[in-house]
Amino acid sequence: MAYDSTATKERILAAAAAEFAAYGVAGARVDRIAAQAQANKRAIYDYFGDKGRLFAAVLERLMADLARAVPPGEAGAEDLSGYAERLFDYHRDHPEALRLLMWEALELGDRPVPGEEARTGHYRDKLRAARPADGADEADEARARLFLTLGLVGWSLAMPQLRRMILGPDHTLDRLRAEIADAVRALPAGEGRPERS
């Protein structure tokens, strides 16, 4: 059977995503990734370089998958709550995605992240979903609404212990999903806000 480099790369990316989600970059071990991927360590270094670049490739794949699975809405601000629900569903079904993003934040802090320029462009596309259909909204307010929407979704799923302690152990994720959508709909759209000094 001929060697399939594409299949090997895919196995490495899948194994690395699981390893990084569990241990972060610092705690991840290339030998565990190689064993899980049924590849040798040399293939990992040949295809991806060092562990940091492998993590960057995993995040690039994660963000591409997320963008395909949960595209930004086209209907303006009224679809931002629908976007929040779709994003909530995605993260509920793919918990490793939030874990990888949290590891990225823990390990990189406020420094530039892998693929930052492309990822920033992706978020610019999402800003359309945060603007009212009439386009009268200021860009800063749309950015704030998008950021708060991402925070409501991400934090709600990333902190199950707080969810349990504050909302109670019987508070279902389906109920929380609906509450997040309601909260996003209630975010101010700029009308009637006091002047900033």
N, C-alpha and C. Protein backbone atom coordinates (compact mmCIF):
# COMPACT_ATOMS: atom_id res chain seq x y z
N MET A 1 0.84 -1.17 0.00
CA MET A 1 0.00 0.00 0.00
C MET A 1 0.89 1.24 0.00
N ALA A 2 0.59 2.19 -0.85
CA ALA A 2 1.38 3.42 -0.96
C ALA A 2 1.14 4.32 0.24
N TYR A 3 2.15 5.08 0.58
CA TYR A 3 2.07 6.02 1.69
C TYR A 3 1.16 7.18 1.29
N ASP A 4 0.22 7.53 2.14
CA ASP A 4 -0.73 8.61 1.86
C ASP A 4 -0.43 9.78 2.79
N SER A 5 0.31 10.77 2.29
CA SER A 5 0.71 11.90 3.14
C SER A 5 -0.49 12.73 3.58
N THR A 6 -1.51 12.86 2.73
CA THR A 6 -2.69 13.63 3.10
C THR A 6 -3.41 12.98 4.27
N ALA A 7 -3.57 11.68 4.21
CA ALA A 7 -4.23 10.96 5.31
C ALA A 7 -3.41 11.06 6.60
N THR A 8 -2.10 10.99 6.47
CA THR A 8 -1.23 11.10 7.64
C THR A 8 -1.37 12.49 8.27
N LYS A 9 -1.36 13.53 7.45
CA LYS A 9 -1.53 14.89 7.97
C LYS A 9 -2.87 15.04 8.68
N GLU A 10 -3.92 14.48 8.11
CA GLU A 10 -5.24 14.56 8.74
C GLU A 10 -5.25 13.85 10.09
N ARG A 11 -4.63 12.68 10.16
CA ARG A 11 -4.57 11.96 11.44
C ARG A 11 -3.77 12.76 12.47
N ILE A 12 -2.69 13.37 12.02
CA ILE A 12 -1.86 14.18 12.93
C ILE A 12 -2.67 15.37 13.45
N LEU A 13 -3.37 16.07 12.57
CA LEU A 13 -4.17 17.22 13.00
C LEU A 13 -5.26 16.81 13.98
N ALA A 14 -5.92 15.69 13.72
CA ALA A 14 -6.97 15.22 14.63
C ALA A 14 -6.39 14.84 15.98
N ALA A 15 -5.28 14.12 15.98
CA ALA A 15 -4.64 13.73 17.24
C ALA A 15 -4.11 14.95 17.98
N ALA A 16 -3.54 15.90 17.25
CA ALA A 16 -3.01 17.10 17.88
C ALA A 16 -4.13 17.94 18.48
N ALA A 17 -5.27 18.03 17.80
CA ALA A 17 -6.39 18.79 18.35
C ALA A 17 -6.83 18.22 19.69
N ALA A 18 -6.94 16.90 19.77
CA ALA A 18 -7.33 16.27 21.04
C ALA A 18 -6.27 16.48 22.11
N GLU A 19 -5.00 16.35 21.75
CA GLU A 19 -3.91 16.52 22.71
C GLU A 19 -3.84 17.96 23.21
N PHE A 20 -3.90 18.93 22.30
CA PHE A 20 -3.84 20.33 22.70
C PHE A 20 -5.06 20.73 23.51
N ALA A 21 -6.23 20.21 23.15
CA ALA A 21 -7.44 20.54 23.91
C ALA A 21 -7.32 20.03 25.35
N ALA A 22 -6.68 18.90 25.52
CA ALA A 22 -6.53 18.33 26.86
C ALA A 22 -5.40 18.96 27.66
N TYR A 23 -4.28 19.31 27.01
CA TYR A 23 -3.07 19.69 27.75
C TYR A 23 -2.51 21.07 27.41
N GLY A 24 -3.04 21.75 26.39
CA GLY A 24 -2.44 23.00 25.95
C GLY A 24 -1.14 22.74 25.20
N VAL A 25 -0.49 23.82 24.77
CA VAL A 25 0.75 23.65 24.02
C VAL A 25 1.86 23.16 24.92
N ALA A 26 2.01 23.79 26.07
CA ALA A 26 3.11 23.43 26.97
C ALA A 26 3.01 21.98 27.45
N GLY A 27 1.81 21.52 27.73
CA GLY A 27 1.64 20.16 28.27
C GLY A 27 1.51 19.08 27.22
N ALA A 28 1.26 19.46 25.99
CA ALA A 28 1.10 18.47 24.92
C ALA A 28 2.43 17.78 24.64
N ARG A 29 2.37 16.51 24.26
CA ARG A 29 3.56 15.73 23.96
C ARG A 29 3.48 15.21 22.53
N VAL A 30 4.53 15.50 21.78
CA VAL A 30 4.58 15.09 20.38
C VAL A 30 4.55 13.57 20.27
N ASP A 31 5.17 12.85 21.20
CA ASP A 31 5.13 11.39 21.09
C ASP A 31 3.72 10.84 21.29
N ARG A 32 2.91 11.48 22.15
CA ARG A 32 1.52 11.03 22.29
C ARG A 32 0.73 11.34 21.03
N ILE A 33 0.98 12.50 20.43
CA ILE A 33 0.30 12.85 19.17
C ILE A 33 0.67 11.83 18.09
N ALA A 34 1.95 11.52 17.99
CA ALA A 34 2.41 10.57 16.98
C ALA A 34 1.77 9.20 17.18
N ALA A 35 1.73 8.75 18.43
CA ALA A 35 1.14 7.43 18.72
C ALA A 35 -0.34 7.42 18.36
N GLN A 36 -1.07 8.45 18.75
CA GLN A 36 -2.50 8.52 18.46
C GLN A 36 -2.76 8.61 16.96
N ALA A 37 -1.88 9.32 16.25
CA ALA A 37 -2.05 9.50 14.80
C ALA A 37 -1.50 8.34 13.99
N GLN A 38 -0.89 7.39 14.65
CA GLN A 38 -0.23 6.27 13.98
C GLN A 38 0.75 6.80 12.93
N ALA A 39 1.56 7.76 13.40
CA ALA A 39 2.59 8.37 12.55
C ALA A 39 3.86 8.45 13.39
N ASN A 40 4.98 8.70 12.74
CA ASN A 40 6.19 8.88 13.53
C ASN A 40 6.42 10.36 13.80
N LYS A 41 7.21 10.64 14.83
CA LYS A 41 7.47 12.02 15.21
C LYS A 41 8.11 12.80 14.07
N ARG A 42 8.92 12.13 13.30
CA ARG A 42 9.60 12.80 12.19
C ARG A 42 8.59 13.37 11.20
N ALA A 43 7.50 12.63 10.94
CA ALA A 43 6.46 13.11 10.02
C ALA A 43 5.83 14.39 10.55
N ILE A 44 5.63 14.47 11.86
CA ILE A 44 5.05 15.67 12.46
C ILE A 44 5.95 16.86 12.22
N TYR A 45 7.24 16.68 12.48
CA TYR A 45 8.19 17.79 12.30
C TYR A 45 8.35 18.14 10.82
N ASP A 46 8.34 17.13 9.95
CA ASP A 46 8.47 17.39 8.51
C ASP A 46 7.27 18.17 7.97
N TYR A 47 6.06 17.79 8.40
CA TYR A 47 4.85 18.42 7.87
C TYR A 47 4.54 19.75 8.54
N PHE A 48 4.80 19.87 9.83
CA PHE A 48 4.32 21.03 10.56
C PHE A 48 5.41 21.86 11.24
N GLY A 49 6.63 21.37 11.29
CA GLY A 49 7.67 22.10 12.00
C GLY A 49 7.62 21.79 13.48
N ASP A 50 7.68 22.80 14.31
CA ASP A 50 7.69 22.57 15.75
C ASP A 50 6.27 22.47 16.32
N LYS A 51 6.20 22.25 17.61
CA LYS A 51 4.91 22.06 18.28
C LYS A 51 4.05 23.32 18.19
N GLY A 52 4.67 24.49 18.25
CA GLY A 52 3.93 25.74 18.14
C GLY A 52 3.26 25.89 16.79
N ARG A 53 3.96 25.50 15.74
CA ARG A 53 3.37 25.58 14.39
C ARG A 53 2.29 24.52 14.19
N LEU A 54 2.44 23.38 14.84
CA LEU A 54 1.38 22.37 14.78
C LEU A 54 0.12 22.91 15.47
N PHE A 55 0.30 23.56 16.61
CA PHE A 55 -0.85 24.18 17.30
C PHE A 55 -1.50 25.23 16.40
N ALA A 56 -0.68 26.03 15.71
CA ALA A 56 -1.22 27.04 14.79
C ALA A 56 -2.03 26.37 13.68
N ALA A 57 -1.55 25.25 13.16
CA ALA A 57 -2.27 24.54 12.10
C ALA A 57 -3.59 23.98 12.62
N VAL A 58 -3.58 23.50 13.85
CA VAL A 58 -4.82 22.99 14.47
C VAL A 58 -5.82 24.13 14.61
N LEU A 59 -5.37 25.30 15.09
CA LEU A 59 -6.27 26.44 15.24
C LEU A 59 -6.79 26.94 13.90
N GLU A 60 -5.92 26.94 12.90
CA GLU A 60 -6.35 27.35 11.57
C GLU A 60 -7.46 26.43 11.07
N ARG A 61 -7.30 25.15 11.26
CA ARG A 61 -8.33 24.18 10.87
C ARG A 61 -9.61 24.40 11.68
N LEU A 62 -9.45 24.59 12.98
CA LEU A 62 -10.60 24.83 13.85
C LEU A 62 -11.41 26.03 13.37
N MET A 63 -10.73 27.13 13.10
CA MET A 63 -11.43 28.35 12.70
C MET A 63 -12.09 28.19 11.33
N ALA A 64 -11.44 27.48 10.44
CA ALA A 64 -12.03 27.23 9.12
C ALA A 64 -13.28 26.36 9.25
N ASP A 65 -13.20 25.31 10.07
CA ASP A 65 -14.36 24.44 10.29
C ASP A 65 -15.51 25.22 10.92
N LEU A 66 -15.19 26.05 11.91
CA LEU A 66 -16.20 26.85 12.59
C LEU A 66 -16.85 27.84 11.62
N ALA A 67 -16.05 28.49 10.80
CA ALA A 67 -16.59 29.46 9.83
C ALA A 67 -17.52 28.79 8.83
N ARG A 68 -17.18 27.57 8.41
CA ARG A 68 -18.06 26.84 7.48
C ARG A 68 -19.34 26.38 8.18
N ALA A 69 -19.21 25.92 9.41
CA ALA A 69 -20.36 25.36 10.13
C ALA A 69 -21.32 26.45 10.62
N VAL A 70 -20.77 27.61 10.98
CA VAL A 70 -21.59 28.68 11.55
C VAL A 70 -21.26 29.99 10.82
N PRO A 71 -21.76 30.13 9.60
CA PRO A 71 -21.46 31.36 8.86
C PRO A 71 -22.20 32.54 9.49
N PRO A 72 -21.64 33.74 9.31
CA PRO A 72 -22.33 34.92 9.84
C PRO A 72 -23.66 35.11 9.14
N GLY A 73 -24.61 35.69 9.86
CA GLY A 73 -25.93 35.94 9.28
C GLY A 73 -25.88 37.05 8.25
N GLU A 74 -26.86 37.07 7.40
CA GLU A 74 -26.94 38.08 6.35
C GLU A 74 -28.05 39.09 6.62
N ALA A 75 -28.84 38.89 7.67
CA ALA A 75 -30.03 39.70 7.87
C ALA A 75 -29.81 40.87 8.81
N GLY A 76 -28.58 41.19 9.14
CA GLY A 76 -28.33 42.31 10.03
C GLY A 76 -28.50 41.94 11.49
N ALA A 77 -28.69 42.94 12.33
CA ALA A 77 -28.71 42.74 13.78
C ALA A 77 -29.79 41.77 14.22
N GLU A 78 -30.90 41.71 13.47
CA GLU A 78 -31.98 40.81 13.90
C GLU A 78 -31.56 39.34 13.81
N ASP A 79 -30.51 39.03 13.06
CA ASP A 79 -30.05 37.65 12.97
C ASP A 79 -28.93 37.34 13.97
N LEU A 80 -28.48 38.33 14.73
CA LEU A 80 -27.39 38.08 15.66
C LEU A 80 -27.79 37.07 16.72
N SER A 81 -29.05 37.09 17.15
CA SER A 81 -29.50 36.10 18.14
C SER A 81 -29.52 34.71 17.52
N GLY A 82 -29.89 34.61 16.24
CA GLY A 82 -29.86 33.32 15.55
C GLY A 82 -28.43 32.82 15.39
N TYR A 83 -27.52 33.74 15.10
CA TYR A 83 -26.11 33.38 15.03
C TYR A 83 -25.64 32.86 16.39
N ALA A 84 -26.05 33.52 17.47
CA ALA A 84 -25.66 33.08 18.82
C ALA A 84 -26.16 31.66 19.08
N GLU A 85 -27.37 31.36 18.66
CA GLU A 85 -27.92 30.01 18.85
C GLU A 85 -27.14 28.98 18.05
N ARG A 86 -26.81 29.31 16.79
CA ARG A 86 -26.05 28.37 15.96
C ARG A 86 -24.64 28.16 16.53
N LEU A 87 -24.03 29.24 17.01
CA LEU A 87 -22.71 29.14 17.61
C LEU A 87 -22.76 28.32 18.90
N PHE A 88 -23.78 28.52 19.71
CA PHE A 88 -23.97 27.75 20.93
C PHE A 88 -24.07 26.26 20.60
N ASP A 89 -24.87 25.93 19.59
CA ASP A 89 -25.03 24.53 19.18
C ASP A 89 -23.69 23.94 18.73
N TYR A 90 -22.94 24.71 17.95
CA TYR A 90 -21.66 24.21 17.47
C TYR A 90 -20.73 23.92 18.65
N HIS A 91 -20.60 24.87 19.56
CA HIS A 91 -19.68 24.68 20.70
C HIS A 91 -20.18 23.59 21.66
N ARG A 92 -21.48 23.43 21.76
CA ARG A 92 -22.00 22.34 22.59
C ARG A 92 -21.63 20.99 21.98
N ASP A 93 -21.67 20.91 20.66
CA ASP A 93 -21.34 19.66 19.96
C ASP A 93 -19.84 19.44 19.77
N HIS A 94 -19.06 20.52 19.86
CA HIS A 94 -17.60 20.45 19.65
C HIS A 94 -16.89 21.17 20.80
N PRO A 95 -16.95 20.61 22.01
CA PRO A 95 -16.37 21.30 23.18
C PRO A 95 -14.86 21.53 23.06
N GLU A 96 -14.19 20.75 22.24
CA GLU A 96 -12.74 20.93 22.09
C GLU A 96 -12.41 22.28 21.46
N ALA A 97 -13.32 22.84 20.68
CA ALA A 97 -13.06 24.13 20.03
C ALA A 97 -12.87 25.23 21.07
N LEU A 98 -13.77 25.32 22.04
CA LEU A 98 -13.60 26.33 23.09
C LEU A 98 -12.37 26.06 23.94
N ARG A 99 -12.10 24.79 24.21
CA ARG A 99 -10.90 24.47 25.01
C ARG A 99 -9.64 24.92 24.28
N LEU A 100 -9.57 24.71 22.97
CA LEU A 100 -8.40 25.14 22.21
C LEU A 100 -8.27 26.66 22.23
N LEU A 101 -9.37 27.37 22.07
CA LEU A 101 -9.31 28.82 22.12
C LEU A 101 -8.91 29.32 23.51
N MET A 102 -9.36 28.63 24.55
CA MET A 102 -8.97 29.03 25.90
C MET A 102 -7.49 28.76 26.14
N TRP A 103 -6.99 27.63 25.65
CA TRP A 103 -5.55 27.36 25.78
C TRP A 103 -4.75 28.42 25.04
N GLU A 104 -5.23 28.81 23.86
CA GLU A 104 -4.54 29.85 23.11
C GLU A 104 -4.46 31.13 23.94
N ALA A 105 -5.56 31.51 24.56
CA ALA A 105 -5.58 32.72 25.38
C ALA A 105 -4.65 32.58 26.59
N LEU A 106 -4.66 31.43 27.23
CA LEU A 106 -3.80 31.22 28.40
C LEU A 106 -2.33 31.26 28.03
N GLU A 107 -2.00 30.68 26.90
CA GLU A 107 -0.58 30.56 26.53
C GLU A 107 -0.04 31.77 25.79
N LEU A 108 -0.89 32.48 25.05
CA LEU A 108 -0.39 33.62 24.28
C LEU A 108 -0.77 34.96 24.90
N GLY A 109 -1.78 34.96 25.75
CA GLY A 109 -2.20 36.21 26.35
C GLY A 109 -2.63 37.21 25.29
N ASP A 110 -2.08 38.41 25.36
CA ASP A 110 -2.46 39.47 24.44
C ASP A 110 -1.52 39.57 23.23
N ARG A 111 -0.63 38.60 23.10
CA ARG A 111 0.28 38.59 21.94
C ARG A 111 -0.49 38.14 20.69
N PRO A 112 0.03 38.46 19.51
CA PRO A 112 -0.63 38.01 18.28
C PRO A 112 -0.78 36.48 18.25
N VAL A 113 -1.89 36.04 17.67
CA VAL A 113 -2.20 34.62 17.60
C VAL A 113 -1.92 34.09 16.21
N PRO A 114 -1.79 32.78 16.04
CA PRO A 114 -1.59 32.21 14.71
C PRO A 114 -2.72 32.60 13.76
N GLY A 115 -2.34 33.04 12.58
CA GLY A 115 -3.35 33.40 11.57
C GLY A 115 -4.20 34.60 11.95
N GLU A 116 -3.65 35.50 12.76
CA GLU A 116 -4.47 36.61 13.29
C GLU A 116 -5.09 37.47 12.19
N GLU A 117 -4.34 37.75 11.14
CA GLU A 117 -4.88 38.61 10.09
C GLU A 117 -6.10 37.98 9.42
N ALA A 118 -6.00 36.70 9.09
CA ALA A 118 -7.14 36.02 8.46
C ALA A 118 -8.31 35.90 9.43
N ARG A 119 -8.01 35.61 10.70
CA ARG A 119 -9.07 35.49 11.69
C ARG A 119 -9.76 36.83 11.92
N THR A 120 -8.99 37.91 11.92
CA THR A 120 -9.58 39.25 12.08
C THR A 120 -10.52 39.54 10.91
N GLY A 121 -10.12 39.14 9.71
CA GLY A 121 -10.98 39.31 8.54
C GLY A 121 -12.28 38.53 8.69
N HIS A 122 -12.19 37.33 9.25
CA HIS A 122 -13.38 36.52 9.47
C HIS A 122 -14.34 37.22 10.44
N TYR A 123 -13.79 37.83 11.49
CA TYR A 123 -14.65 38.55 12.44
C TYR A 123 -15.24 39.80 11.81
N ARG A 124 -14.51 40.43 10.90
CA ARG A 124 -15.08 41.58 10.18
C ARG A 124 -16.31 41.15 9.40
N ASP A 125 -16.25 39.97 8.80
CA ASP A 125 -17.43 39.45 8.10
C ASP A 125 -18.60 39.28 9.05
N LYS A 126 -18.32 38.84 10.26
CA LYS A 126 -19.39 38.63 11.23
C LYS A 126 -20.01 39.94 11.70
N LEU A 127 -19.29 41.04 11.56
CA LEU A 127 -19.85 42.33 11.99
C LEU A 127 -21.13 42.68 11.24
N ARG A 128 -21.27 42.17 10.02
CA ARG A 128 -22.52 42.42 9.29
C ARG A 128 -23.72 41.93 10.08
N ALA A 129 -23.55 40.81 10.78
CA ALA A 129 -24.65 40.26 11.56
C ALA A 129 -24.95 41.10 12.80
N ALA A 130 -24.03 41.96 13.18
CA ALA A 130 -24.23 42.78 14.37
C ALA A 130 -24.78 44.16 14.05
N ARG A 131 -24.87 44.51 12.78
CA ARG A 131 -25.35 45.84 12.39
C ARG A 131 -26.83 45.79 12.03
N PRO A 132 -27.56 46.83 12.38
CA PRO A 132 -28.98 46.87 11.99
C PRO A 132 -29.11 46.87 10.47
N ALA A 133 -30.24 46.39 10.00
CA ALA A 133 -30.47 46.29 8.56
C ALA A 133 -30.39 47.65 7.87
N ASP A 134 -30.76 48.73 8.58
CA ASP A 134 -30.73 50.05 7.94
C ASP A 134 -29.32 50.64 7.89
N GLY A 135 -28.35 49.96 8.52
CA GLY A 135 -26.96 50.39 8.47
C GLY A 135 -26.67 51.64 9.28
N ALA A 136 -27.62 52.07 10.12
CA ALA A 136 -27.45 53.32 10.86
C ALA A 136 -26.55 53.17 12.08
N ASP A 137 -26.18 51.98 12.40
CA ASP A 137 -25.39 51.71 13.60
C ASP A 137 -23.94 52.14 13.42
N GLU A 138 -23.33 52.55 14.49
CA GLU A 138 -21.91 52.86 14.46
C GLU A 138 -21.11 51.57 14.53
N ALA A 139 -19.95 51.59 13.89
CA ALA A 139 -19.11 50.40 13.84
C ALA A 139 -18.70 49.94 15.23
N ASP A 140 -18.39 50.89 16.14
CA ASP A 140 -17.98 50.51 17.49
C ASP A 140 -19.07 49.75 18.22
N GLU A 141 -20.32 50.18 18.03
CA GLU A 141 -21.43 49.50 18.69
C GLU A 141 -21.64 48.10 18.12
N ALA A 142 -21.46 47.95 16.82
CA ALA A 142 -21.58 46.63 16.20
C ALA A 142 -20.48 45.72 16.72
N ARG A 143 -19.27 46.24 16.83
CA ARG A 143 -18.17 45.44 17.38
C ARG A 143 -18.46 45.00 18.80
N ALA A 144 -18.96 45.93 19.60
CA ALA A 144 -19.27 45.59 21.00
C ALA A 144 -20.35 44.53 21.07
N ARG A 145 -21.40 44.65 20.24
CA ARG A 145 -22.47 43.65 20.24
C ARG A 145 -21.95 42.28 19.84
N LEU A 146 -21.08 42.24 18.82
CA LEU A 146 -20.51 40.96 18.39
C LEU A 146 -19.65 40.37 19.50
N PHE A 147 -18.79 41.19 20.10
CA PHE A 147 -17.92 40.70 21.16
C PHE A 147 -18.73 40.18 22.34
N LEU A 148 -19.77 40.91 22.73
CA LEU A 148 -20.61 40.46 23.85
C LEU A 148 -21.37 39.18 23.51
N THR A 149 -21.79 39.05 22.25
CA THR A 149 -22.47 37.83 21.81
C THR A 149 -21.53 36.63 21.92
N LEU A 150 -20.31 36.80 21.41
CA LEU A 150 -19.33 35.71 21.51
C LEU A 150 -19.04 35.38 22.97
N GLY A 151 -18.98 36.40 23.81
CA GLY A 151 -18.73 36.17 25.23
C GLY A 151 -19.87 35.43 25.91
N LEU A 152 -21.10 35.82 25.60
CA LEU A 152 -22.25 35.13 26.20
C LEU A 152 -22.25 33.65 25.84
N VAL A 153 -21.99 33.36 24.59
CA VAL A 153 -21.98 31.96 24.15
C VAL A 153 -20.79 31.21 24.75
N GLY A 154 -19.60 31.76 24.55
CA GLY A 154 -18.39 31.05 24.97
C GLY A 154 -18.30 30.86 26.47
N TRP A 155 -18.50 31.93 27.22
CA TRP A 155 -18.36 31.84 28.68
C TRP A 155 -19.40 30.89 29.26
N SER A 156 -20.61 30.92 28.71
CA SER A 156 -21.68 30.06 29.23
C SER A 156 -21.34 28.58 29.12
N LEU A 157 -20.63 28.21 28.05
CA LEU A 157 -20.28 26.81 27.85
C LEU A 157 -18.91 26.46 28.43
N ALA A 158 -18.02 27.45 28.51
CA ALA A 158 -16.66 27.18 29.00
C ALA A 158 -16.59 27.07 30.52
N MET A 159 -17.59 27.56 31.23
CA MET A 159 -17.57 27.57 32.68
C MET A 159 -18.74 26.78 33.27
N PRO A 160 -18.74 25.46 33.10
CA PRO A 160 -19.87 24.68 33.59
C PRO A 160 -20.04 24.75 35.10
N GLN A 161 -18.94 24.92 35.83
CA GLN A 161 -19.05 25.00 37.28
C GLN A 161 -19.79 26.27 37.71
N LEU A 162 -19.53 27.40 37.06
CA LEU A 162 -20.26 28.63 37.38
C LEU A 162 -21.71 28.51 36.97
N ARG A 163 -21.94 27.91 35.82
CA ARG A 163 -23.31 27.70 35.35
C ARG A 163 -24.10 26.91 36.39
N ARG A 164 -23.50 25.85 36.90
CA ARG A 164 -24.17 25.00 37.89
C ARG A 164 -24.41 25.75 39.20
N MET A 165 -23.37 26.47 39.69
CA MET A 165 -23.49 27.15 40.97
C MET A 165 -24.46 28.32 40.93
N ILE A 166 -24.49 29.05 39.81
CA ILE A 166 -25.34 30.24 39.73
C ILE A 166 -26.74 29.90 39.25
N LEU A 167 -26.84 29.12 38.19
CA LEU A 167 -28.15 28.82 37.61
C LEU A 167 -28.80 27.58 38.21
N GLY A 168 -28.00 26.75 38.84
CA GLY A 168 -28.52 25.54 39.46
C GLY A 168 -28.25 24.31 38.60
N PRO A 169 -28.16 23.16 39.23
CA PRO A 169 -27.80 21.94 38.50
C PRO A 169 -28.87 21.47 37.52
N ASP A 170 -30.10 21.95 37.67
CA ASP A 170 -31.18 21.51 36.78
C ASP A 170 -31.41 22.46 35.61
N HIS A 171 -30.62 23.51 35.51
CA HIS A 171 -30.76 24.48 34.42
C HIS A 171 -30.19 23.85 33.14
N THR A 172 -31.05 23.57 32.19
CA THR A 172 -30.62 22.83 31.00
C THR A 172 -29.89 23.73 30.00
N LEU A 173 -29.08 23.11 29.17
CA LEU A 173 -28.40 23.85 28.11
C LEU A 173 -29.40 24.39 27.09
N ASP A 174 -30.49 23.68 26.84
CA ASP A 174 -31.49 24.19 25.91
C ASP A 174 -32.12 25.47 26.45
N ARG A 175 -32.38 25.50 27.74
CA ARG A 175 -32.94 26.72 28.35
C ARG A 175 -31.92 27.85 28.28
N LEU A 176 -30.66 27.54 28.56
CA LEU A 176 -29.61 28.54 28.51
C LEU A 176 -29.45 29.10 27.10
N ARG A 177 -29.53 28.23 26.11
CA ARG A 177 -29.44 28.65 24.70
C ARG A 177 -30.49 29.70 24.38
N ALA A 178 -31.73 29.46 24.80
CA ALA A 178 -32.82 30.40 24.56
C ALA A 178 -32.59 31.71 25.33
N GLU A 179 -32.07 31.61 26.54
CA GLU A 179 -31.80 32.82 27.33
C GLU A 179 -30.69 33.66 26.71
N ILE A 180 -29.70 33.00 26.15
CA ILE A 180 -28.62 33.74 25.48
C ILE A 180 -29.18 34.46 24.26
N ALA A 181 -30.02 33.79 23.48
CA ALA A 181 -30.62 34.44 22.31
C ALA A 181 -31.44 35.66 22.75
N ASP A 182 -32.20 35.54 23.84
CA ASP A 182 -32.96 36.68 24.36
C ASP A 182 -32.04 37.81 24.79
N ALA A 183 -30.95 37.47 25.45
CA ALA A 183 -30.00 38.49 25.90
C ALA A 183 -29.35 39.20 24.72
N VAL A 184 -29.03 38.46 23.67
CA VAL A 184 -28.43 39.07 22.48
C VAL A 184 -29.44 40.00 21.82
N ARG A 185 -30.70 39.59 21.75
CA ARG A 185 -31.73 40.47 21.18
C ARG A 185 -31.87 41.76 21.99
N ALA A 186 -31.61 41.68 23.29
CA ALA A 186 -31.76 42.85 24.17
C ALA A 186 -30.54 43.77 24.16
N LEU A 187 -29.44 43.35 23.52
CA LEU A 187 -28.26 44.23 23.47
C LEU A 187 -28.63 45.51 22.75
N PRO A 188 -28.21 46.66 23.30
CA PRO A 188 -28.56 47.94 22.66
C PRO A 188 -27.99 48.04 21.26
N ALA A 189 -28.78 48.59 20.37
CA ALA A 189 -28.35 48.76 18.99
C ALA A 189 -27.95 50.20 18.69
N GLY A 190 -27.77 50.99 19.72
CA GLY A 190 -27.29 52.35 19.52
C GLY A 190 -28.37 53.40 19.58
N GLU A 191 -29.63 53.03 19.38
CA GLU A 191 -30.69 54.04 19.40
C GLU A 191 -30.92 54.49 20.84
N GLY A 192 -31.04 55.78 21.01
CA GLY A 192 -31.38 56.32 22.31
C GLY A 192 -30.30 56.21 23.35
N ARG A 193 -29.07 55.92 22.95
CA ARG A 193 -27.99 55.82 23.92
C ARG A 193 -27.49 57.21 24.24
N PRO A 194 -27.03 57.42 25.47
CA PRO A 194 -26.53 58.74 25.82
C PRO A 194 -25.27 59.07 25.03
N GLU A 195 -25.09 60.36 24.77
CA GLU A 195 -23.88 60.81 24.07
C GLU A 195 -22.65 60.48 24.90
N ARG A 196 -21.61 60.05 24.23
CA ARG A 196 -20.35 59.79 24.92
C ARG A 196 -19.55 61.08 24.97
N SER A 197 -18.90 61.31 26.10
CA SER A 197 -18.09 62.53 26.19
C SER A 197 -16.63 62.22 26.02
